[in-house]
Amino acid sequence: FTEILSSLPETRQCESFVKGFRDVKLVPIMLDAFFHYKQNSLLHEIVVHMIEIIFESPVHFEVLIQQCLQDYSLRQRILKFQKENDSHVQRPRGNRLPLMCHLTQIAECIIKWETNANQLTRCSLAVSNVQDEPWREYKNMTFKETQFKDSKVLGGIRPPVALDEMISSSEVDSEDEF
């Protein structure tokens, strides 16, 4: 599905092809699977790729965007899982839910799309919920906090000594032993 979407030309045939995808509800089926199988990284990666194509492609996928945002309420599903994740993290030894990294990538696609004025005018129906307060709060606070946390170096700060210096100093130390 994602390979077909990414290779579609900007023609009327493309529009009818995309409407066919909408009619069989392939996008909602994939999104339902994404949220149901919380630990399936391969599935999550494929769905993220699909969402990136739908929201970032120069081909006009208004029909699929509308299906994601209005018919499927993707923003609300993101908010629901963010709350579930927040509650899970608060537990003793609680970690982020496995799908949260991919869910953040999906949210980023939607947020980028919402901030692009040309996209907004092309698909005004799908934007009707943009002013929803919980989504605005998520965009302006939770999403930005998540991006900041995800940008941190794992394992703490980098040691001040470069790796090649450590290797050369260990070689000198081992020569001194003989």
Protein backbone atom coordinates (compact mmCIF):
# COMPACT_ATOMS: atom_id res chain seq x y z
CA PHE A 1 0.00 0.00 0.00
CA THR A 2 2.70 2.50 0.96
CA GLU A 3 4.76 1.67 -2.13
CA ILE A 4 1.72 2.21 -4.35
CA LEU A 5 0.89 5.52 -2.64
CA SER A 6 4.43 6.80 -2.90
CA SER A 7 4.61 6.10 -6.63
CA LEU A 8 1.28 7.64 -7.68
CA PRO A 9 1.44 10.51 -10.20
CA GLU A 10 -0.60 13.70 -9.74
CA THR A 11 -3.49 12.84 -12.09
CA ARG A 12 -7.24 12.29 -12.02
CA GLN A 13 -6.56 8.54 -12.11
CA CYS A 14 -4.66 8.97 -8.85
CA GLU A 15 -7.72 10.60 -7.22
CA SER A 16 -10.01 7.73 -8.18
CA PHE A 17 -7.38 5.22 -7.03
CA VAL A 18 -7.10 6.96 -3.64
CA LYS A 19 -10.89 7.09 -3.30
CA GLY A 20 -10.85 3.33 -3.84
CA PHE A 21 -8.45 2.99 -0.90
CA ARG A 22 -10.81 5.14 1.15
CA ASP A 23 -13.81 3.01 0.21
CA VAL A 24 -12.17 -0.21 1.36
CA LYS A 25 -11.10 1.64 4.55
CA LEU A 26 -7.52 0.40 4.29
CA VAL A 27 -6.10 3.32 6.26
CA PRO A 28 -8.42 2.78 9.27
CA ILE A 29 -7.68 -0.95 9.17
CA MET A 30 -3.95 -0.24 9.33
CA LEU A 31 -4.41 2.35 12.09
CA ASP A 32 -6.59 -0.04 14.11
CA ALA A 33 -3.86 -2.67 13.83
CA PHE A 34 -1.26 -0.06 14.87
CA PHE A 35 -3.12 0.71 18.11
CA HIS A 36 -4.14 -2.89 18.80
CA TYR A 37 -0.71 -4.48 18.44
CA LYS A 38 1.24 -2.19 20.77
CA GLN A 39 4.51 -4.12 20.52
CA ASN A 40 4.74 -4.75 16.77
CA SER A 41 7.55 -2.41 15.69
CA LEU A 42 7.49 -3.60 12.07
CA LEU A 43 3.79 -2.83 11.76
CA HIS A 44 4.31 0.52 13.52
CA GLU A 45 7.11 1.46 11.12
CA ILE A 46 4.93 0.63 8.10
CA VAL A 47 2.02 2.68 9.44
CA VAL A 48 4.30 5.65 10.15
CA HIS A 49 5.58 5.42 6.58
CA MET A 50 1.99 5.31 5.30
CA ILE A 51 1.04 8.40 7.34
CA GLU A 52 4.16 10.25 6.16
CA ILE A 53 3.21 9.57 2.55
CA ILE A 54 -0.41 10.64 3.07
CA PHE A 55 0.45 13.88 4.92
CA GLU A 56 3.74 14.89 3.30
CA SER A 57 3.38 13.80 -0.33
CA PRO A 58 3.12 16.37 -3.13
CA VAL A 59 0.26 14.21 -4.42
CA HIS A 60 -3.01 15.47 -2.99
CA PHE A 61 -4.40 12.86 -0.61
CA GLU A 62 -7.17 15.03 0.88
CA VAL A 63 -9.56 12.10 0.89
CA LEU A 64 -7.20 9.99 3.01
CA ILE A 65 -6.27 12.93 5.24
CA GLN A 66 -9.95 13.56 5.88
CA GLN A 67 -10.45 9.87 6.62
CA CYS A 68 -7.59 9.93 9.14
CA LEU A 69 -8.50 13.16 10.90
CA GLN A 70 -12.27 13.31 10.72
CA ASP A 71 -13.64 9.84 10.12
CA TYR A 72 -11.05 8.01 12.19
CA SER A 73 -10.36 10.79 14.76
CA LEU A 74 -6.62 10.18 14.68
CA ARG A 75 -5.83 13.22 16.83
CA GLN A 76 -8.16 11.96 19.56
CA ARG A 77 -6.59 8.47 19.40
CA ILE A 78 -3.15 10.04 19.83
CA LEU A 79 -4.40 11.98 22.87
CA LYS A 80 -5.96 8.83 24.35
CA PHE A 81 -2.75 6.83 24.04
CA GLN A 82 -0.68 9.73 25.35
CA LYS A 83 -2.83 9.73 28.51
CA GLU A 84 -2.52 5.94 28.77
CA ASN A 85 1.24 6.25 28.37
CA ASP A 86 1.48 9.02 30.99
CA SER A 87 -0.40 6.85 33.49
CA HIS A 88 1.77 3.83 32.64
CA VAL A 89 4.99 5.81 33.13
CA GLN A 90 3.83 6.99 36.59
CA ARG A 91 3.70 3.40 37.89
CA PRO A 92 6.68 1.92 39.70
CA ARG A 93 9.17 0.82 37.05
CA GLY A 94 6.83 2.16 34.40
CA ASN A 95 8.26 2.64 30.94
CA ARG A 96 6.83 4.27 27.85
CA LEU A 97 4.43 2.12 25.87
CA PRO A 98 6.25 0.45 22.96
CA LEU A 99 4.28 2.30 20.29
CA MET A 100 4.90 5.81 21.67
CA CYS A 101 7.96 6.60 19.57
CA HIS A 102 6.05 5.77 16.40
CA LEU A 103 2.94 7.57 17.67
CA THR A 104 5.05 10.69 18.22
CA GLN A 105 6.26 10.42 14.60
CA ILE A 106 2.64 10.26 13.42
CA ALA A 107 1.75 13.28 15.55
CA GLU A 108 4.70 15.14 14.05
CA CYS A 109 3.36 14.47 10.52
CA ILE A 110 -0.05 15.85 11.49
CA ILE A 111 1.42 18.90 13.21
CA LYS A 112 3.66 19.70 10.24
CA TRP A 113 0.69 19.35 7.93
CA GLU A 114 -1.46 21.60 10.12
CA THR A 115 1.16 24.35 10.14
CA ASN A 116 1.46 24.39 6.35
CA ALA A 117 -1.03 27.01 5.18
CA ASN A 118 -1.25 25.57 1.66
CA GLN A 119 -2.25 22.18 3.02
CA LEU A 120 -4.84 23.72 5.31
CA THR A 121 -6.61 25.50 2.49
CA ARG A 122 -6.63 22.36 0.34
CA CYS A 123 -8.32 20.23 2.96
CA SER A 124 -10.35 22.54 5.17
CA LEU A 125 -12.82 19.85 6.24
CA ALA A 126 -10.13 17.76 7.89
CA VAL A 127 -8.90 20.79 9.81
CA SER A 128 -12.17 21.52 11.57
CA ASN A 129 -10.93 19.99 14.85
CA VAL A 130 -7.54 21.74 14.83
CA GLN A 131 -8.72 24.30 17.36
CA ASP A 132 -9.73 21.55 19.79
CA GLU A 133 -8.17 22.55 23.14
CA PRO A 134 -6.78 19.13 24.16
CA TRP A 135 -5.03 18.82 20.78
CA ARG A 136 -3.67 22.36 20.98
CA GLU A 137 -2.36 21.63 24.49
CA TYR A 138 -0.76 18.40 23.25
CA LYS A 139 0.90 20.22 20.31
CA ASN A 140 2.20 23.10 22.37
CA MET A 141 3.27 21.24 25.51
CA THR A 142 3.29 17.44 25.55
CA PHE A 143 4.61 17.01 22.01
CA LYS A 144 7.39 19.55 22.54
CA GLU A 145 8.34 17.94 25.87
CA THR A 146 8.46 14.54 24.19
CA GLN A 147 10.67 15.88 21.40
CA PHE A 148 13.02 17.36 24.00
CA LYS A 149 13.20 14.10 25.99
CA ASP A 150 13.77 12.08 22.82
CA SER A 151 16.60 14.37 21.74
CA LYS A 152 18.64 13.65 24.89
CA VAL A 153 21.67 11.43 24.56
CA LEU A 154 20.99 8.00 26.02
CA GLY A 155 23.30 7.02 28.85
CA GLY A 156 24.07 10.57 29.95
CA ILE A 157 26.64 13.02 28.67
CA ARG A 158 29.52 12.07 26.44
CA PRO A 159 32.84 11.60 28.22
CA PRO A 160 35.33 14.42 27.63
CA VAL A 161 38.01 12.08 26.27
CA ALA A 162 37.76 11.09 22.63
CA LEU A 163 37.74 7.38 21.80
CA ASP A 164 40.94 7.56 19.75
CA GLU A 165 42.71 9.22 22.70
CA MET A 166 41.52 6.42 25.00
CA ILE A 167 42.83 3.79 22.57
CA SER A 168 46.21 5.47 22.13
CA SER A 169 46.61 5.97 25.90
CA SER A 170 45.71 2.32 26.57
CA GLU A 171 48.32 1.25 24.01
CA VAL A 172 50.95 3.29 25.83
CA ASP A 173 49.88 1.77 29.18
CA SER A 174 50.14 -1.77 27.82
CA GLU A 175 53.64 -1.09 26.40
CA ASP A 176 54.77 0.13 29.83
CA GLU A 177 53.77 -3.19 31.40
CA PHE A 178 56.37 -5.13 29.41
